[in-house]
Amino acid sequence: MGKWYLEYEIQVNRPGLLGDIASLLGMLRVNITTINSVDGGLEESAGGGHRGLLLTTDDDAQIKRFEQIASTMEMIKIKKIREPKLSDILAVRHGRYILRDTEDRKTFRFLRNELGVLVDFMAEIFKEEGHKLIGVRGMPRVGKTESVVAASVCANKKWIFLSSTMIKQTVRNTLAGDEFSKDNIFILDGIVSRKAPDERHLQLVREMMRIPAVKVVEHPDIFVQHSEYNIEDFDYIIELRTEHDQEITYEMMEKNHMMPERGSMGGFDIFNL
């Protein structure tokens, strides 16, 4: 069964317009699975209201027929008809498109009051099979780690911290049993890992990178410093802020992530026994 995303802009908003569109799709045996008003944000120029629909059909040729008929209708203007992208699915669910960097299209931007959208976005990525490298930028206490964990729960995936400061400073040197599974979500803090005093931790990170699984790196810009990885290796970059104009800087964060002296416990070292 073919899946499609339809988005149209309302030119003349009159009662019964949505019913007419739904009836036309029904006569063509195209099913509407989800429908919502969609704010195109930066992706669209100013204009009338937008509606987004997720469709299914047993005959993809019917979509082309609908497009031909709709092109003659003065009340609407077709903006998109395509196989649904992740951004389309989330736009219909949440009523707006996720903001993306205009120059770097793999960078997505969220505010703290949009954590529900962020969790949904990451959960959909986590459900995909194979290697995915995701970087998360943001200042302390903005919700980075909590969002990654919540998305893991939504995706029904087990999460593994290789390094973190969520509760205490955590640095793992070993994994055991099913912790190496490609079905797990591997999470590390780029600042903590870069400052790790034990080479075994860095070797564990290298082993994790070779697993065809999802890896989430907080502070990716710090992680790639003095390592064999670079920012182009990341499939997605997520930026999380408390407000639109908040600057993401690292000087204070690096001071707050000072590692303990070699040989001290420094957090959950019980994992490395």
C-alpha atoms as a PDB file:
ATOM      1  CA  MET A   1       0.000   0.000   0.000  1.00  0.00           C
ATOM      2  CA  GLY A   2       1.450   3.354  -1.047  1.00  0.00           C
ATOM      3  CA  LYS A   3       1.887   6.130   1.524  1.00  0.00           C
ATOM      4  CA  TRP A   4       1.699   9.783   0.541  1.00  0.00           C
ATOM      5  CA  TYR A   5       1.869  13.236   2.073  1.00  0.00           C
ATOM      6  CA  LEU A   6      -0.433  15.939   0.724  1.00  0.00           C
ATOM      7  CA  GLU A   7      -0.227  19.573   1.730  1.00  0.00           C
ATOM      8  CA  TYR A   8      -2.396  22.306   0.282  1.00  0.00           C
ATOM      9  CA  GLU A   9      -2.802  26.014   0.907  1.00  0.00           C
ATOM     10  CA  ILE A  10      -6.323  27.367   1.276  1.00  0.00           C
ATOM     11  CA  GLN A  11      -7.042  30.142  -1.233  1.00  0.00           C
ATOM     12  CA  VAL A  12     -10.755  30.564  -0.488  1.00  0.00           C
ATOM     13  CA  ASN A  13     -11.776  29.357   2.952  1.00  0.00           C
ATOM     14  CA  ARG A  14     -15.434  28.396   2.772  1.00  0.00           C
ATOM     15  CA  PRO A  15     -17.576  26.007   4.830  1.00  0.00           C
ATOM     16  CA  GLY A  16     -17.426  22.443   3.578  1.00  0.00           C
ATOM     17  CA  LEU A  17     -14.089  22.787   1.773  1.00  0.00           C
ATOM     18  CA  LEU A  18     -12.404  20.046   3.785  1.00  0.00           C
ATOM     19  CA  GLY A  19     -15.405  17.791   3.229  1.00  0.00           C
ATOM     20  CA  ASP A  20     -15.143  18.307  -0.520  1.00  0.00           C
ATOM     21  CA  ILE A  21     -11.446  17.399  -0.505  1.00  0.00           C
ATOM     22  CA  ALA A  22     -12.106  14.319   1.636  1.00  0.00           C
ATOM     23  CA  SER A  23     -14.990  13.251  -0.623  1.00  0.00           C
ATOM     24  CA  LEU A  24     -12.858  13.601  -3.739  1.00  0.00           C
ATOM     25  CA  LEU A  25     -10.084  11.506  -2.191  1.00  0.00           C
ATOM     26  CA  GLY A  26     -12.668   8.943  -1.106  1.00  0.00           C
ATOM     27  CA  MET A  27     -14.097   8.623  -4.614  1.00  0.00           C
ATOM     28  CA  LEU A  28     -10.563   7.991  -5.865  1.00  0.00           C
ATOM     29  CA  ARG A  29     -10.170   5.304  -3.159  1.00  0.00           C
ATOM     30  CA  VAL A  30      -7.469   7.215  -1.339  1.00  0.00           C
ATOM     31  CA  ASN A  31      -7.636   6.855   2.449  1.00  0.00           C
ATOM     32  CA  ILE A  32      -6.892   9.719   4.844  1.00  0.00           C
ATOM     33  CA  THR A  33      -5.031   8.390   7.888  1.00  0.00           C
ATOM     34  CA  THR A  34      -4.169  11.718   9.564  1.00  0.00           C
ATOM     35  CA  ILE A  35      -5.073  15.336   8.921  1.00  0.00           C
ATOM     36  CA  ASN A  36      -4.111  18.581  10.625  1.00  0.00           C
ATOM     37  CA  SER A  37      -3.518  22.246  10.014  1.00  0.00           C
ATOM     38  CA  VAL A  38       0.173  22.814   9.351  1.00  0.00           C
ATOM     39  CA  ASP A  39       2.275  25.905   9.990  1.00  0.00           C
ATOM     40  CA  GLY A  40       4.987  25.804   7.347  1.00  0.00           C
ATOM     41  CA  GLY A  41       7.184  28.170   9.354  1.00  0.00           C
ATOM     42  CA  LEU A  42      10.365  29.079   7.509  1.00  0.00           C
ATOM     43  CA  GLU A  43       9.709  26.423   4.867  1.00  0.00           C
ATOM     44  CA  GLU A  44       6.812  28.310   3.316  1.00  0.00           C
ATOM     45  CA  SER A  45       6.216  31.824   2.110  1.00  0.00           C
ATOM     46  CA  ALA A  46       3.433  33.891   3.613  1.00  0.00           C
ATOM     47  CA  GLY A  47       0.001  32.829   2.441  1.00  0.00           C
ATOM     48  CA  GLY A  48      -3.234  31.224   3.523  1.00  0.00           C
ATOM     49  CA  GLY A  49      -3.700  28.388   5.970  1.00  0.00           C
ATOM     50  CA  HIS A  50      -2.089  25.060   5.196  1.00  0.00           C
ATOM     51  CA  ARG A  51      -3.497  21.585   5.730  1.00  0.00           C
ATOM     52  CA  GLY A  52      -1.406  18.450   5.771  1.00  0.00           C
ATOM     53  CA  LEU A  53      -2.767  14.960   5.158  1.00  0.00           C
ATOM     54  CA  LEU A  54      -1.173  11.534   5.413  1.00  0.00           C
ATOM     55  CA  LEU A  55      -2.714   9.260   2.802  1.00  0.00           C
ATOM     56  CA  THR A  56      -2.667   5.609   1.788  1.00  0.00           C
ATOM     57  CA  THR A  57      -3.794   4.019  -1.459  1.00  0.00           C
ATOM     58  CA  ASP A  58      -3.613   0.713  -3.284  1.00  0.00           C
ATOM     59  CA  ASP A  59      -3.204   2.546  -6.596  1.00  0.00           C
ATOM     60  CA  ASP A  60      -0.615   5.322  -6.681  1.00  0.00           C
ATOM     61  CA  ALA A  61      -1.988   6.490 -10.048  1.00  0.00           C
ATOM     62  CA  GLN A  62      -5.011   7.835  -8.153  1.00  0.00           C
ATOM     63  CA  ILE A  63      -2.749  10.363  -6.432  1.00  0.00           C
ATOM     64  CA  LYS A  64      -1.768  11.748  -9.824  1.00  0.00           C
ATOM     65  CA  ARG A  65      -5.455  11.939 -10.788  1.00  0.00           C
ATOM     66  CA  PHE A  66      -6.232  13.848  -7.612  1.00  0.00           C
ATOM     67  CA  GLU A  67      -3.388  16.269  -8.329  1.00  0.00           C
ATOM     68  CA  GLN A  68      -4.733  16.906 -11.836  1.00  0.00           C
ATOM     69  CA  ILE A  69      -8.255  17.561 -10.542  1.00  0.00           C
ATOM     70  CA  ALA A  70      -7.043  19.731  -7.646  1.00  0.00           C
ATOM     71  CA  SER A  71      -5.006  21.888 -10.044  1.00  0.00           C
ATOM     72  CA  THR A  72      -8.313  23.098 -11.543  1.00  0.00           C
ATOM     73  CA  MET A  73      -9.793  24.077  -8.163  1.00  0.00           C
ATOM     74  CA  GLU A  74      -9.606  27.765  -7.262  1.00  0.00           C
ATOM     75  CA  MET A  75     -10.163  27.172  -3.535  1.00  0.00           C
ATOM     76  CA  ILE A  76      -6.857  25.398  -2.881  1.00  0.00           C
ATOM     77  CA  LYS A  77      -3.278  25.344  -4.139  1.00  0.00           C
ATOM     78  CA  ILE A  78      -1.301  22.111  -3.890  1.00  0.00           C
ATOM     79  CA  LYS A  79       2.027  22.675  -2.152  1.00  0.00           C
ATOM     80  CA  LYS A  80       3.380  19.139  -1.743  1.00  0.00           C
ATOM     81  CA  ILE A  81       2.479  15.644  -2.891  1.00  0.00           C
ATOM     82  CA  ARG A  82       5.210  13.136  -2.102  1.00  0.00           C
ATOM     83  CA  GLU A  83       6.139  10.067  -0.156  1.00  0.00           C
ATOM     84  CA  PRO A  84       6.069  11.239   3.465  1.00  0.00           C
ATOM     85  CA  LYS A  85       9.338  12.319   5.030  1.00  0.00           C
ATOM     86  CA  LEU A  86       9.862  12.245   8.786  1.00  0.00           C
ATOM     87  CA  SER A  87       9.394  16.019   8.844  1.00  0.00           C
ATOM     88  CA  ASP A  88       6.018  15.635   7.099  1.00  0.00           C
ATOM     89  CA  ILE A  89       4.779  13.020   9.570  1.00  0.00           C
ATOM     90  CA  LEU A  90       5.750  15.172  12.551  1.00  0.00           C
ATOM     91  CA  ALA A  91       4.255  18.300  10.949  1.00  0.00           C
ATOM     92  CA  VAL A  92       0.871  16.583  10.708  1.00  0.00           C
ATOM     93  CA  ARG A  93       1.126  15.258  14.273  1.00  0.00           C
ATOM     94  CA  HIS A  94       2.147  18.553  15.855  1.00  0.00           C
ATOM     95  CA  GLY A  95       0.729  21.142  13.452  1.00  0.00           C
ATOM     96  CA  ARG A  96       4.010  22.681  12.329  1.00  0.00           C
ATOM     97  CA  TYR A  97       7.312  21.919  10.671  1.00  0.00           C
ATOM     98  CA  ILE A  98      10.448  21.552  12.755  1.00  0.00           C
ATOM     99  CA  LEU A  99      12.854  24.430  12.251  1.00  0.00           C
ATOM    100  CA  ARG A 100      15.952  23.536  10.233  1.00  0.00           C
ATOM    101  CA  ASP A 101      19.130  25.481   9.597  1.00  0.00           C
ATOM    102  CA  THR A 102      18.843  27.149   6.192  1.00  0.00           C
ATOM    103  CA  GLU A 103      22.476  26.353   5.341  1.00  0.00           C
ATOM    104  CA  ASP A 104      23.048  23.049   7.150  1.00  0.00           C
ATOM    105  CA  ARG A 105      19.914  21.003   6.472  1.00  0.00           C
ATOM    106  CA  LYS A 106      20.869  18.256   8.933  1.00  0.00           C
ATOM    107  CA  THR A 107      20.641  20.708  11.858  1.00  0.00           C
ATOM    108  CA  PHE A 108      17.250  20.904  13.620  1.00  0.00           C
ATOM    109  CA  ARG A 109      16.365  23.501  16.263  1.00  0.00           C
ATOM    110  CA  PHE A 110      14.038  23.178  19.254  1.00  0.00           C
ATOM    111  CA  LEU A 111      13.084  25.213  22.301  1.00  0.00           C
ATOM    112  CA  ARG A 112      12.710  23.782  25.784  1.00  0.00           C
ATOM    113  CA  ASN A 113       8.934  24.299  25.652  1.00  0.00           C
ATOM    114  CA  GLU A 114       8.884  22.007  22.586  1.00  0.00           C
ATOM    115  CA  LEU A 115      10.329  18.938  24.307  1.00  0.00           C
ATOM    116  CA  GLY A 116       7.314  16.857  23.287  1.00  0.00           C
ATOM    117  CA  VAL A 117       8.039  17.487  19.615  1.00  0.00           C
ATOM    118  CA  LEU A 118      11.762  16.826  20.154  1.00  0.00           C
ATOM    119  CA  VAL A 119      11.092  13.510  21.904  1.00  0.00           C
ATOM    120  CA  ASP A 120       8.750  12.445  19.101  1.00  0.00           C
ATOM    121  CA  PHE A 121      11.335  13.439  16.486  1.00  0.00           C
ATOM    122  CA  MET A 122      14.160  11.484  18.122  1.00  0.00           C
ATOM    123  CA  ALA A 123      11.950   8.470  18.825  1.00  0.00           C
ATOM    124  CA  GLU A 124      11.183   8.142  15.110  1.00  0.00           C
ATOM    125  CA  ILE A 125      14.912   8.229  14.328  1.00  0.00           C
ATOM    126  CA  PHE A 126      15.622   5.684  17.078  1.00  0.00           C
ATOM    127  CA  LYS A 127      13.143   3.252  15.511  1.00  0.00           C
ATOM    128  CA  GLU A 128      15.170   3.118  12.309  1.00  0.00           C
ATOM    129  CA  GLU A 129      17.636   0.264  11.904  1.00  0.00           C
ATOM    130  CA  GLY A 130      21.352   0.660  11.333  1.00  0.00           C
ATOM    131  CA  HIS A 131      23.949   3.279  12.157  1.00  0.00           C
ATOM    132  CA  LYS A 132      22.760   6.746  13.117  1.00  0.00           C
ATOM    133  CA  LEU A 133      25.041   9.341  14.715  1.00  0.00           C
ATOM    134  CA  ILE A 134      23.142  12.173  16.392  1.00  0.00           C
ATOM    135  CA  GLY A 135      24.689  15.235  18.012  1.00  0.00           C
ATOM    136  CA  VAL A 136      22.831  17.287  20.616  1.00  0.00           C
ATOM    137  CA  ARG A 137      23.917  20.852  21.363  1.00  0.00           C
ATOM    138  CA  GLY A 138      22.598  22.850  24.301  1.00  0.00           C
ATOM    139  CA  MET A 139      23.472  24.585  27.547  1.00  0.00           C
ATOM    140  CA  PRO A 140      23.191  22.792  30.929  1.00  0.00           C
ATOM    141  CA  ARG A 141      19.744  22.010  32.348  1.00  0.00           C
ATOM    142  CA  VAL A 142      17.934  22.585  29.077  1.00  0.00           C
ATOM    143  CA  GLY A 143      16.693  18.984  28.847  1.00  0.00           C
ATOM    144  CA  LYS A 144      19.170  17.259  26.500  1.00  0.00           C
ATOM    145  CA  THR A 145      19.723  13.981  28.347  1.00  0.00           C
ATOM    146  CA  GLU A 146      16.159  13.738  29.620  1.00  0.00           C
ATOM    147  CA  SER A 147      14.840  14.091  26.056  1.00  0.00           C
ATOM    148  CA  VAL A 148      17.158  11.347  24.763  1.00  0.00           C
ATOM    149  CA  VAL A 149      16.056   8.969  27.528  1.00  0.00           C
ATOM    150  CA  ALA A 150      12.366   9.783  26.961  1.00  0.00           C
ATOM    151  CA  ALA A 151      12.768   9.194  23.221  1.00  0.00           C
ATOM    152  CA  SER A 152      14.420   5.827  23.948  1.00  0.00           C
ATOM    153  CA  VAL A 153      11.393   4.854  26.038  1.00  0.00           C
ATOM    154  CA  CYS A 154       9.002   5.960  23.269  1.00  0.00           C
ATOM    155  CA  ALA A 155      10.984   3.906  20.742  1.00  0.00           C
ATOM    156  CA  ASN A 156      10.962   0.903  23.120  1.00  0.00           C
ATOM    157  CA  LYS A 157      14.764   0.852  23.128  1.00  0.00           C
ATOM    158  CA  LYS A 158      17.233   0.253  25.954  1.00  0.00           C
ATOM    159  CA  TRP A 159      19.606   3.156  26.553  1.00  0.00           C
ATOM    160  CA  ILE A 160      23.238   2.762  27.619  1.00  0.00           C
ATOM    161  CA  PHE A 161      25.229   5.639  29.132  1.00  0.00           C
ATOM    162  CA  LEU A 162      28.904   5.511  28.187  1.00  0.00           C
ATOM    163  CA  SER A 163      29.504   8.897  29.807  1.00  0.00           C
ATOM    164  CA  SER A 164      27.087  11.325  31.410  1.00  0.00           C
ATOM    165  CA  THR A 165      26.502  13.897  34.148  1.00  0.00           C
ATOM    166  CA  MET A 166      22.768  13.230  34.452  1.00  0.00           C
ATOM    167  CA  ILE A 167      22.931  12.170  38.110  1.00  0.00           C
ATOM    168  CA  LYS A 168      26.629  11.815  38.863  1.00  0.00           C
ATOM    169  CA  GLN A 169      29.597  11.872  36.558  1.00  0.00           C
ATOM    170  CA  THR A 170      29.539   8.520  34.775  1.00  0.00           C
ATOM    171  CA  VAL A 171      32.398   7.087  32.725  1.00  0.00           C
ATOM    172  CA  ARG A 172      32.094   3.511  31.500  1.00  0.00           C
ATOM    173  CA  ASN A 173      35.184   1.490  30.591  1.00  0.00           C
ATOM    174  CA  THR A 174      33.425  -1.798  29.816  1.00  0.00           C
ATOM    175  CA  LEU A 175      30.087  -3.165  28.673  1.00  0.00           C
ATOM    176  CA  ALA A 176      28.724  -6.628  29.357  1.00  0.00           C
ATOM    177  CA  GLY A 177      26.185  -9.056  27.934  1.00  0.00           C
ATOM    178  CA  ASP A 178      23.455  -7.535  25.789  1.00  0.00           C
ATOM    179  CA  GLU A 179      24.761  -4.007  26.383  1.00  0.00           C
ATOM    180  CA  PHE A 180      26.630  -4.366  23.076  1.00  0.00           C
ATOM    181  CA  SER A 181      23.349  -5.014  21.213  1.00  0.00           C
ATOM    182  CA  LYS A 182      22.734  -3.000  18.030  1.00  0.00           C
ATOM    183  CA  ASP A 183      19.168  -2.480  19.298  1.00  0.00           C
ATOM    184  CA  ASN A 184      20.386  -0.269  22.148  1.00  0.00           C
ATOM    185  CA  ILE A 185      20.735   3.516  22.164  1.00  0.00           C
ATOM    186  CA  PHE A 186      24.280   4.538  23.146  1.00  0.00           C
ATOM    187  CA  ILE A 187      24.566   7.922  24.868  1.00  0.00           C
ATOM    188  CA  LEU A 188      27.737   9.822  25.720  1.00  0.00           C
ATOM    189  CA  ASP A 189      28.689  13.302  26.856  1.00  0.00           C
ATOM    190  CA  GLY A 190      31.329  14.701  24.517  1.00  0.00           C
ATOM    191  CA  ILE A 191      32.950  16.846  27.189  1.00  0.00           C
ATOM    192  CA  VAL A 192      33.170  14.043  29.755  1.00  0.00           C
ATOM    193  CA  SER A 193      34.481  11.523  27.220  1.00  0.00           C
ATOM    194  CA  ARG A 194      37.108  13.902  25.895  1.00  0.00           C
ATOM    195  CA  LYS A 195      38.420  14.493  29.421  1.00  0.00           C
ATOM    196  CA  ALA A 196      38.252  10.825  30.447  1.00  0.00           C
ATOM    197  CA  PRO A 197      41.577   9.857  32.124  1.00  0.00           C
ATOM    198  CA  ASP A 198      41.323   6.163  31.250  1.00  0.00           C
ATOM    199  CA  GLU A 199      42.229   5.003  27.729  1.00  0.00           C
ATOM    200  CA  ARG A 200      39.850   2.058  28.207  1.00  0.00           C
ATOM    201  CA  HIS A 201      36.910   4.445  28.015  1.00  0.00           C
ATOM    202  CA  LEU A 202      38.098   5.881  24.702  1.00  0.00           C
ATOM    203  CA  GLN A 203      38.602   2.373  23.357  1.00  0.00           C
ATOM    204  CA  LEU A 204      35.045   1.515  24.409  1.00  0.00           C
ATOM    205  CA  VAL A 205      33.779   4.579  22.530  1.00  0.00           C
ATOM    206  CA  ARG A 206      35.613   3.405  19.398  1.00  0.00           C
ATOM    207  CA  GLU A 207      34.050  -0.051  19.727  1.00  0.00           C
ATOM    208  CA  MET A 208      30.615   1.505  20.160  1.00  0.00           C
ATOM    209  CA  MET A 209      31.085   3.609  17.028  1.00  0.00           C
ATOM    210  CA  ARG A 210      31.607   0.440  14.994  1.00  0.00           C
ATOM    211  CA  ILE A 211      28.286  -1.073  16.120  1.00  0.00           C
ATOM    212  CA  PRO A 212      25.476  -0.504  13.544  1.00  0.00           C
ATOM    213  CA  ALA A 213      23.274   1.198  16.116  1.00  0.00           C
ATOM    214  CA  VAL A 214      22.046   4.644  17.168  1.00  0.00           C
ATOM    215  CA  LYS A 215      24.595   6.790  19.001  1.00  0.00           C
ATOM    216  CA  VAL A 216      23.742  10.105  20.645  1.00  0.00           C
ATOM    217  CA  VAL A 217      26.581  12.496  21.490  1.00  0.00           C
ATOM    218  CA  GLU A 218      25.907  15.501  23.690  1.00  0.00           C
ATOM    219  CA  HIS A 219      28.254  18.413  22.923  1.00  0.00           C
ATOM    220  CA  PRO A 220      29.389  16.981  19.565  1.00  0.00           C
ATOM    221  CA  ASP A 221      31.670  19.948  18.815  1.00  0.00           C
ATOM    222  CA  ILE A 222      33.791  19.117  21.855  1.00  0.00           C
ATOM    223  CA  PHE A 223      33.672  15.386  21.117  1.00  0.00           C
ATOM    224  CA  VAL A 224      35.222  15.773  17.670  1.00  0.00           C
ATOM    225  CA  GLN A 225      38.159  17.767  19.012  1.00  0.00           C
ATOM    226  CA  HIS A 226      41.320  15.661  19.234  1.00  0.00           C
ATOM    227  CA  SER A 227      39.495  12.621  17.860  1.00  0.00           C
ATOM    228  CA  GLU A 228      39.291  10.756  14.568  1.00  0.00           C
ATOM    229  CA  TYR A 229      35.684  11.901  14.106  1.00  0.00           C
ATOM    230  CA  ASN A 230      34.443  15.153  12.609  1.00  0.00           C
ATOM    231  CA  ILE A 231      31.155  17.000  12.579  1.00  0.00           C
ATOM    232  CA  GLU A 232      30.406  15.830   9.022  1.00  0.00           C
ATOM    233  CA  ASP A 233      30.139  12.261  10.367  1.00  0.00           C
ATOM    234  CA  PHE A 234      26.893  13.162  12.160  1.00  0.00           C
ATOM    235  CA  ASP A 235      23.600  12.308  10.475  1.00  0.00           C
ATOM    236  CA  TYR A 236      21.595  14.767  12.593  1.00  0.00           C
ATOM    237  CA  ILE A 237      22.517  17.756  14.749  1.00  0.00           C
ATOM    238  CA  ILE A 238      19.884  18.830  17.273  1.00  0.00           C
ATOM    239  CA  GLU A 239      20.101  22.221  18.972  1.00  0.00           C
ATOM    240  CA  LEU A 240      18.050  22.755  22.132  1.00  0.00           C
ATOM    241  CA  ARG A 241      17.633  26.207  23.690  1.00  0.00           C
ATOM    242  CA  THR A 242      15.522  27.821  26.377  1.00  0.00           C
ATOM    243  CA  GLU A 243      14.790  30.716  23.996  1.00  0.00           C
ATOM    244  CA  HIS A 244      15.462  31.495  20.343  1.00  0.00           C
ATOM    245  CA  ASP A 245      18.417  33.838  20.869  1.00  0.00           C
ATOM    246  CA  GLN A 246      20.255  31.768  23.488  1.00  0.00           C
ATOM    247  CA  GLU A 247      23.913  31.302  22.562  1.00  0.00           C
ATOM    248  CA  ILE A 248      25.389  27.821  22.982  1.00  0.00           C
ATOM    249  CA  THR A 249      28.920  28.185  24.393  1.00  0.00           C
ATOM    250  CA  TYR A 250      31.334  25.665  25.879  1.00  0.00           C
ATOM    251  CA  GLU A 251      33.802  27.520  28.114  1.00  0.00           C
ATOM    252  CA  MET A 252      31.655  27.380  31.250  1.00  0.00           C
ATOM    253  CA  MET A 253      30.460  23.859  30.508  1.00  0.00           C
ATOM    254  CA  GLU A 254      34.023  22.549  30.262  1.00  0.00           C
ATOM    255  CA  LYS A 255      34.834  24.099  33.643  1.00  0.00           C
ATOM    256  CA  ASN A 256      31.759  22.432  35.145  1.00  0.00           C
ATOM    257  CA  HIS A 257      32.806  19.019  33.728  1.00  0.00           C
ATOM    258  CA  MET A 258      36.187  18.772  35.437  1.00  0.00           C
ATOM    259  CA  MET A 259      37.127  15.089  35.702  1.00  0.00           C
ATOM    260  CA  PRO A 260      38.322  13.523  38.995  1.00  0.00           C
ATOM    261  CA  GLU A 261      41.934  12.540  39.466  1.00  0.00           C
ATOM    262  CA  ARG A 262      42.963   9.163  38.054  1.00  0.00           C
ATOM    263  CA  GLY A 263      42.093   6.399  40.495  1.00  0.00           C
ATOM    264  CA  SER A 264      39.238   8.188  42.286  1.00  0.00           C
ATOM    265  CA  MET A 265      35.711   6.808  42.126  1.00  0.00           C
ATOM    266  CA  GLY A 266      34.203   9.748  40.244  1.00  0.00           C
ATOM    267  CA  GLY A 267      30.576   8.665  39.829  1.00  0.00           C
ATOM    268  CA  PHE A 268      29.230   5.232  38.913  1.00  0.00           C
ATOM    269  CA  ASP A 269      32.555   3.421  38.618  1.00  0.00           C
ATOM    270  CA  ILE A 270      30.765   0.360  39.962  1.00  0.00           C
ATOM    271  CA  PHE A 271      29.914  -0.263  36.275  1.00  0.00           C
ATOM    272  CA  ASN A 272      33.610  -0.837  35.598  1.00  0.00           C
ATOM    273  CA  LEU A 273      34.292  -3.386  38.333  1.00  0.00           C
END
